[in-house]
Protein backbone atom coordinates (compact mmCIF):
# COMPACT_ATOMS: atom_id res chain seq x y z
CA MET A 1 -7.59 -14.41 11.08
CA ARG A 2 -4.70 -12.04 10.64
CA ARG A 3 -4.62 -8.61 9.06
CA TYR A 4 -2.60 -8.16 5.87
CA GLU A 5 -1.75 -5.28 3.56
CA LEU A 6 -1.39 -5.83 -0.18
CA MET A 7 0.47 -3.21 -2.21
CA LEU A 8 -0.18 -3.54 -5.93
CA VAL A 9 1.82 -1.71 -8.59
CA LEU A 10 -0.10 -1.90 -11.85
CA ARG A 11 1.01 -0.93 -15.34
CA PRO A 12 0.36 2.78 -15.94
CA ASP A 13 -0.99 2.16 -19.45
CA ALA A 14 -3.55 -0.41 -18.30
CA PRO A 15 -7.11 0.82 -18.88
CA ASP A 16 -9.05 1.78 -15.77
CA GLU A 17 -11.51 -1.08 -16.35
CA ARG A 18 -8.70 -3.67 -16.34
CA ALA A 19 -7.09 -2.19 -13.23
CA ALA A 20 -10.47 -2.18 -11.48
CA ALA A 21 -10.99 -5.80 -12.58
CA VAL A 22 -7.68 -6.87 -11.00
CA ILE A 23 -8.59 -5.17 -7.72
CA ASP A 24 -12.13 -6.56 -7.83
CA ARG A 25 -10.89 -10.10 -8.54
CA THR A 26 -8.43 -9.86 -5.64
CA THR A 27 -11.03 -8.57 -3.17
CA ARG A 28 -13.55 -11.21 -4.28
CA TYR A 29 -10.93 -13.92 -3.68
CA VAL A 30 -10.28 -12.64 -0.15
CA VAL A 31 -14.00 -12.67 0.67
CA ALA A 32 -14.51 -16.11 -0.96
CA SER A 33 -11.67 -17.58 1.10
CA GLY A 34 -13.33 -16.51 4.34
CA GLY A 35 -11.67 -13.13 4.86
CA GLN A 36 -12.95 -9.60 4.86
CA ILE A 37 -11.81 -6.36 3.24
CA VAL A 38 -10.90 -3.56 5.65
CA LYS A 39 -9.83 -0.84 3.23
CA VAL A 40 -9.09 -0.31 -0.46
CA ALA A 41 -7.06 2.81 -1.19
CA PRO A 42 -5.90 3.88 -4.65
CA TRP A 43 -2.68 5.88 -4.32
CA GLY A 44 -2.55 6.94 -7.96
CA ARG A 45 0.37 7.09 -10.36
CA ARG A 46 3.83 7.45 -8.88
CA ARG A 47 7.34 7.32 -10.22
CA LEU A 48 9.14 4.02 -9.71
CA ALA A 49 12.59 3.89 -8.13
CA TYR A 50 13.83 1.91 -11.14
CA ALA A 51 12.38 0.81 -14.46
CA ILE A 52 10.27 -2.34 -14.41
CA ASP A 53 9.53 -3.80 -17.87
CA ARG A 54 10.50 -0.41 -19.34
CA TYR A 55 7.89 1.43 -17.24
CA ARG A 56 9.09 4.40 -15.18
CA GLU A 57 5.72 4.93 -13.43
CA GLY A 58 3.18 2.66 -11.83
CA SER A 59 -0.36 2.89 -10.56
CA TYR A 60 -0.32 2.08 -6.84
CA HIS A 61 -3.20 0.49 -4.91
CA ILE A 62 -3.34 -0.73 -1.31
CA ILE A 63 -5.78 -3.34 -0.06
CA VAL A 64 -5.98 -3.97 3.69
CA PHE A 65 -7.76 -7.21 4.55
CA GLU A 66 -8.15 -9.94 7.14
CA SER A 67 -7.75 -13.47 5.91
CA PRO A 68 -6.65 -16.96 6.92
CA ALA A 69 -2.95 -17.54 6.26
CA GLU A 70 -3.63 -20.42 3.87
CA ALA A 71 -5.37 -18.14 1.35
CA ILE A 72 -2.37 -15.85 0.85
CA ALA A 73 -0.29 -18.28 -1.22
CA GLU A 74 -3.06 -18.85 -3.77
CA MET A 75 -3.71 -15.12 -4.09
CA GLU A 76 0.01 -14.50 -4.73
CA ARG A 77 0.05 -17.16 -7.46
CA SER A 78 -2.85 -15.43 -9.15
CA LEU A 79 -1.13 -12.03 -8.99
CA GLN A 80 2.11 -13.45 -10.44
CA ILE A 81 0.44 -14.42 -13.71
CA THR A 82 -1.66 -11.26 -14.11
CA GLU A 83 -0.35 -9.09 -16.95
CA GLU A 84 -1.35 -5.74 -15.44
CA VAL A 85 0.57 -6.32 -12.18
CA LEU A 86 4.17 -5.06 -12.28
CA ARG A 87 4.88 -5.80 -8.61
CA TYR A 88 2.97 -6.79 -5.50
CA LEU A 89 3.81 -7.25 -1.85
CA VAL A 90 1.71 -8.86 0.85
CA THR A 91 2.75 -8.00 4.40
CA ARG A 92 1.27 -8.89 7.73
CA VAL A 93 0.11 -5.80 9.57
CA VAL A 94 1.18 -5.58 13.16
CA LYS A 95 -0.91 -2.77 14.49
CA PRO A 96 1.15 -0.56 16.79
CA VAL A 97 -0.50 0.16 20.10
CA LYS A 98 0.15 3.55 21.55
CA THR A 99 -0.78 4.22 25.13
CA ARG A 100 -1.41 7.40 27.00
CA ARG A 101 -1.46 7.70 30.78
CA ASP A 102 -3.96 10.11 32.24
CA ALA A 103 -2.09 12.21 34.83
CA ALA A 104 -5.12 12.79 37.06
CA SER A 105 -6.50 9.26 37.34
CA GLY A 106 -3.39 7.25 36.43
CA GLU A 107 -5.39 5.13 33.96
CA VAL A 108 -3.74 3.85 30.79
CA GLU A 109 -5.69 4.49 27.59
CA GLU A 110 -4.95 2.74 24.28
CA ILE A 111 -4.95 4.97 21.22
CA ASP A 112 -6.05 3.32 17.98
CA THR A 113 -3.76 4.15 15.06
CA ASP A 114 -5.04 4.08 11.50
CA ILE A 115 -3.44 2.88 8.27
CA PRO A 116 -1.87 5.83 6.39
CA SER A 117 -3.62 7.18 3.32
CA GLY A 118 -1.97 7.66 -0.05
CA GLU A 119 -1.86 11.43 0.28
CA ASP A 120 1.47 13.05 1.04
CA GLU A 121 1.41 14.39 4.55
CA GLU A 122 3.64 17.23 5.68
CA ASP A 123 5.42 17.05 9.00
CA GLU A 124 4.48 19.96 11.23
CA ASP A 125 7.69 19.83 13.23
CA GLN A 126 9.91 19.93 10.14
CA GLY A 127 11.76 23.16 9.46
CA GLU A 128 12.64 24.60 6.07
CA ARG A 129 12.11 22.22 3.16
CA ILE A 130 14.66 21.97 0.38
CA ASP A 131 13.34 22.23 -3.14
CA GLU A 132 14.54 19.23 -5.17
CA SER A 133 15.38 21.44 -8.15
CA GLU A 134 17.90 23.31 -6.01
CA SER A 135 19.60 20.15 -4.79
CA GLU A 136 23.29 19.66 -5.49
CA ALA A 137 22.84 15.91 -5.87
CA ALA A 138 23.64 14.35 -9.21
CA PRO A 139 20.65 13.65 -11.45
CA ALA A 140 19.44 10.07 -11.69
CA ALA A 141 20.88 7.99 -14.49
CA THR A 142 18.54 7.31 -17.39
CA ASP A 143 18.37 4.22 -19.54
């Protein structure tokens, strides 16, 4: 079985029960097809890069799972006809392996990296941040 990541963008006006039902139906399908759920992470509402069906925001959810490759096509067909789903993307996760060599013993140790959470993380090595309101860039065009 391979590891996959499913990014769901749901309609922002969809009731919480319906959004939870879409996620629950998707996770139940993965388990029923012989896979297993690794992580379900709601990222919350975020602004879309462009309007989709006249929506400027979407409710983002990420589901990380392991599943046979044959089950992915059927899950995608189900997501295509679901009203609450604006966009979805299933990608195969290739877990990066970082290694660290111990100077004293010369042994190589693998460091396990984790899937990023939905929270915005600040870079510690980054210098002064520019406030977007002070930017000289032209404002985005509106419909």
